[in-house]
């Protein structure tokens, strides 16, 4: 097994092989059923011509992204303990609207010096980072659920906090 991909591409598992009466090492692929909608969102966000309104429209009209909603005990940085986060897709829409208002105020306050393009692109990168993280946490959570239900799996690797 490629150790660099454990908990990214697959979970390492211990399987009770009752036929051979032994414990085996195996893997469970981490598959994200939202990979296509997330990829579409990433393409939109990374396009320099995409506006924040375009992103809002896309999120509102891709309701399957609401499946990401929930609490995740997922360690983004394995060297830190007790990481977790809550995802509420509709709150992201509110965040984008607030950012639009903040940017509009900055344009009024500093019309000659404010770099609107820089701030919008930085915010879009942050949105992309968030959705990529949420997608990874969502996919691994589905794999955990599979491992828990599969009676032959005795233990599995994880990225949970704590």
Protein backbone atom coordinates (compact mmCIF):
# COMPACT_ATOMS: atom_id res chain seq x y z
CA UNK A 1 0.00 0.00 0.00
CA UNK A 2 1.13 3.54 -0.77
CA UNK A 3 1.25 5.22 2.66
CA UNK A 4 0.94 8.68 1.13
CA UNK A 5 -2.57 7.91 -0.03
CA UNK A 6 -3.98 6.31 3.11
CA UNK A 7 -6.94 8.39 4.28
CA UNK A 8 -6.88 10.34 1.03
CA UNK A 9 -7.62 7.71 -1.61
CA UNK A 10 -8.41 4.74 0.60
CA UNK A 11 -8.77 3.58 4.19
CA UNK A 12 -6.47 0.88 5.47
CA UNK A 13 -8.54 -1.85 7.12
CA UNK A 14 -8.07 -4.98 9.18
CA UNK A 15 -10.35 -7.73 7.93
CA UNK A 16 -11.36 -10.86 9.78
CA UNK A 17 -11.10 -13.60 7.15
CA UNK A 18 -13.12 -16.35 8.80
CA UNK A 19 -12.54 -18.76 5.89
CA UNK A 20 -8.78 -18.74 6.44
CA UNK A 21 -9.11 -18.00 10.16
CA UNK A 22 -6.75 -15.02 9.98
CA UNK A 23 -6.65 -11.25 10.13
CA UNK A 24 -5.74 -9.58 6.84
CA UNK A 25 -4.79 -6.06 5.83
CA UNK A 26 -6.94 -4.57 3.13
CA UNK A 27 -8.30 -1.29 1.87
CA UNK A 28 -11.58 0.47 1.21
CA UNK A 29 -11.59 3.08 -1.54
CA UNK A 30 -12.72 6.57 -0.63
CA UNK A 31 -15.24 7.51 -3.28
CA UNK A 32 -17.05 10.83 -3.33
CA UNK A 33 -20.53 10.75 -4.87
CA UNK A 34 -20.34 14.56 -5.05
CA UNK A 35 -17.09 14.64 -7.02
CA UNK A 36 -18.71 15.86 -10.26
CA UNK A 37 -20.69 18.74 -8.73
CA UNK A 38 -17.62 19.74 -6.70
CA UNK A 39 -15.41 19.62 -9.80
CA UNK A 40 -17.93 21.78 -11.69
CA UNK A 41 -17.88 24.29 -8.83
CA UNK A 42 -14.08 24.30 -8.79
CA UNK A 43 -13.93 24.99 -12.53
CA UNK A 44 -16.37 27.87 -12.09
CA UNK A 45 -14.52 29.33 -9.10
CA UNK A 46 -11.11 29.10 -10.81
CA UNK A 47 -12.32 30.95 -13.90
CA UNK A 48 -11.10 34.57 -13.58
CA UNK A 49 -14.23 35.76 -15.42
CA UNK A 50 -16.57 34.21 -12.84
CA UNK A 51 -18.25 36.70 -10.56
CA UNK A 52 -19.40 36.12 -7.00
CA UNK A 53 -22.97 36.33 -8.31
CA UNK A 54 -22.17 33.48 -10.72
CA UNK A 55 -20.94 31.39 -7.80
CA UNK A 56 -24.05 32.17 -5.74
CA UNK A 57 -26.28 31.21 -8.68
CA UNK A 58 -24.39 27.94 -9.16
CA UNK A 59 -24.53 26.95 -5.49
CA UNK A 60 -28.24 27.81 -5.27
CA UNK A 61 -28.97 25.70 -8.35
CA UNK A 62 -26.79 22.73 -7.37
CA UNK A 63 -28.89 21.62 -4.43
CA UNK A 64 -27.01 18.32 -4.13
CA UNK A 65 -24.22 20.38 -2.53
CA UNK A 66 -26.54 20.62 0.49
CA UNK A 67 -25.62 16.96 1.11
CA UNK A 68 -22.32 18.32 2.44
CA UNK A 69 -24.16 19.84 5.42
CA UNK A 70 -23.15 18.36 8.75
CA UNK A 71 -20.48 18.23 11.40
CA UNK A 72 -17.15 16.61 10.55
CA UNK A 73 -14.45 15.41 12.92
CA UNK A 74 -11.83 15.55 10.18
CA UNK A 75 -8.19 16.47 10.68
CA UNK A 76 -7.02 18.63 7.84
CA UNK A 77 -3.61 18.93 9.51
CA UNK A 78 -2.61 15.60 11.07
CA UNK A 79 -0.07 17.29 13.36
CA UNK A 80 -2.86 19.11 15.24
CA UNK A 81 -5.43 17.56 17.54
CA UNK A 82 -9.16 18.15 18.00
CA UNK A 83 -10.04 19.52 14.61
CA UNK A 84 -13.56 19.61 13.37
CA UNK A 85 -15.94 21.85 11.49
CA UNK A 86 -19.56 22.33 10.62
CA UNK A 87 -20.70 22.70 7.03
CA UNK A 88 -23.90 24.51 6.16
CA UNK A 89 -23.95 25.17 2.46
CA UNK A 90 -26.62 27.85 2.75
CA UNK A 91 -24.40 29.77 5.22
CA UNK A 92 -21.80 29.98 2.47
CA UNK A 93 -24.29 31.93 0.36
CA UNK A 94 -24.66 34.41 3.23
CA UNK A 95 -20.85 34.64 3.53
CA UNK A 96 -20.56 35.45 -0.18
CA UNK A 97 -23.25 38.14 0.07
CA UNK A 98 -21.48 39.69 3.07
CA UNK A 99 -18.17 39.65 1.20
CA UNK A 100 -19.82 41.37 -1.77
CA UNK A 101 -21.10 44.10 0.56
CA UNK A 102 -17.66 44.51 2.16
CA UNK A 103 -15.99 44.77 -1.24
CA UNK A 104 -18.55 47.37 -2.37
CA UNK A 105 -17.81 49.45 0.76
CA UNK A 106 -14.06 49.21 0.14
CA UNK A 107 -14.54 50.40 -3.44
CA UNK A 108 -16.43 53.44 -2.10
CA UNK A 109 -13.82 54.17 0.58
CA UNK A 110 -10.73 53.71 -1.59
CA UNK A 111 -11.81 53.96 -5.24
CA UNK A 112 -8.33 54.76 -6.56
CA UNK A 113 -6.26 52.31 -4.51
CA UNK A 114 -8.49 49.36 -3.69
CA UNK A 115 -7.58 46.23 -5.66
CA UNK A 116 -11.00 44.66 -6.10
CA UNK A 117 -9.73 41.92 -8.42
CA UNK A 118 -7.17 40.77 -5.87
CA UNK A 119 -9.73 40.54 -3.07
CA UNK A 120 -12.32 38.74 -5.18
CA UNK A 121 -9.77 36.21 -6.43
CA UNK A 122 -8.45 35.64 -2.89
CA UNK A 123 -11.99 35.03 -1.65
CA UNK A 124 -12.68 32.67 -4.55
CA UNK A 125 -9.52 30.70 -3.66
CA UNK A 126 -10.77 30.45 -0.07
CA UNK A 127 -14.17 29.19 -1.28
CA UNK A 128 -12.44 26.60 -3.43
CA UNK A 129 -10.28 25.49 -0.48
CA UNK A 130 -13.36 25.18 1.72
CA UNK A 131 -15.32 23.10 -0.76
CA UNK A 132 -12.33 20.84 -1.45
CA UNK A 133 -11.93 20.23 2.29
CA UNK A 134 -15.65 19.63 2.74
CA UNK A 135 -15.67 17.19 -0.18
CA UNK A 136 -12.79 15.19 1.31
CA UNK A 137 -14.44 15.07 4.73
CA UNK A 138 -17.77 14.04 3.20
CA UNK A 139 -16.21 11.24 1.14
CA UNK A 140 -14.18 9.78 4.00
CA UNK A 141 -17.24 9.90 6.27
CA UNK A 142 -19.12 7.71 3.77
CA UNK A 143 -16.20 5.27 3.81
CA UNK A 144 -16.25 5.21 7.62
CA UNK A 145 -19.95 4.37 7.54
CA UNK A 146 -19.28 1.50 5.15
CA UNK A 147 -16.52 0.14 7.40
CA UNK A 148 -18.73 0.33 10.47
CA UNK A 149 -21.52 -1.61 8.72
CA UNK A 150 -19.19 -4.29 7.29
CA UNK A 151 -18.94 -6.90 10.05
CA UNK A 152 -15.69 -8.44 8.73
CA UNK A 153 -13.85 -5.11 9.13
CA UNK A 154 -12.32 -5.03 12.58
CA UNK A 155 -10.56 -1.65 12.38
CA UNK A 156 -9.94 1.13 9.87
CA UNK A 157 -7.64 4.11 9.53
CA UNK A 158 -9.12 7.54 10.02
CA UNK A 159 -8.57 11.28 10.06
CA UNK A 160 -10.82 11.94 13.03
CA UNK A 161 -9.91 14.43 15.69
CA UNK A 162 -8.78 13.44 19.12
